[in-house]
Amino acid sequence: MKIYPEEEWLMLSGIQHFVFCKRQWAIIHLENQWQENYLTVEGEIIHERVHNEDIKEKRGDTIICRGMKIFSEKLGVSGVTDAVEFYQNENGATLFGYDGFWQPVPIEYKHGKPKNDHSDILQVVAQAMCLEEMFCVNIDTAYLFYEKIHRRDKVEITSELREEVGTVFEEMHEIFKRGYTPKVKIKKACKSCSLKDVCLPELTKKQSVQSYYDKFMEAD
């Protein structure tokens, strides 16, 4: 199994961008370009609230940690979780300052609602895989909390999702190593992307000779 050195680690959160749009991910993580829109601002407000490392709560048999730094040498990624809930469980791990064994479960907060793709799901599964590697435990459940609908969705961490996470990160590492920004694939979501003025997807449309000829004839 490949182990990535720390200098090759990618940002874990990038998997959400990559699955949504490979070009968007490259513009952010390779070209270091970023622009805000109302969607990104809403998301940042939510994450500022949950990424407070000073907040640690204990509610009965549950410990809640926010802004935990995580990593995986096997995936070659590092990042910060929104929240990790630790439940008292004999199959869990030991925690400094607490008696017994504790099972970690990652919680990822999103400002919108569930998406049609796997981008959010793969992000929280990747977080679970990092926690598994760090705490030497098995995690079969994670959660996505959507602010717009104020609902927590359960994610069953299957072998298929684990394999998909591994495959996606391998492709991300390969593209990052090449320093290559993929070509745009125009879709409906381009309209709401904060990077549309940087990406300029409309300029990549190729006009066929026939359509150009038809417009020319109409103008005459």
Foldseek 3Di string as FASTA:
>chain_A
DAFADLVLADALLLLLVCQVPVLSSLCCRLVVDDFDDPQVVLFVVVLVVQLDQVDWDDDPQKIKGAQDWFDDRLLRYIYTASIKIWGADQQAADDPPDDHGTHIATEHEHAADDDPDCSVVLSRLVVQVRVCVVRVGHDQWYWYAYNVVRDIDIDGNDPVSVVVSSVSSVVVSVCSVVSDRDQGDDDPCLVVDRCCVVNVNVVPDDDDPVVVVVVVVVVD
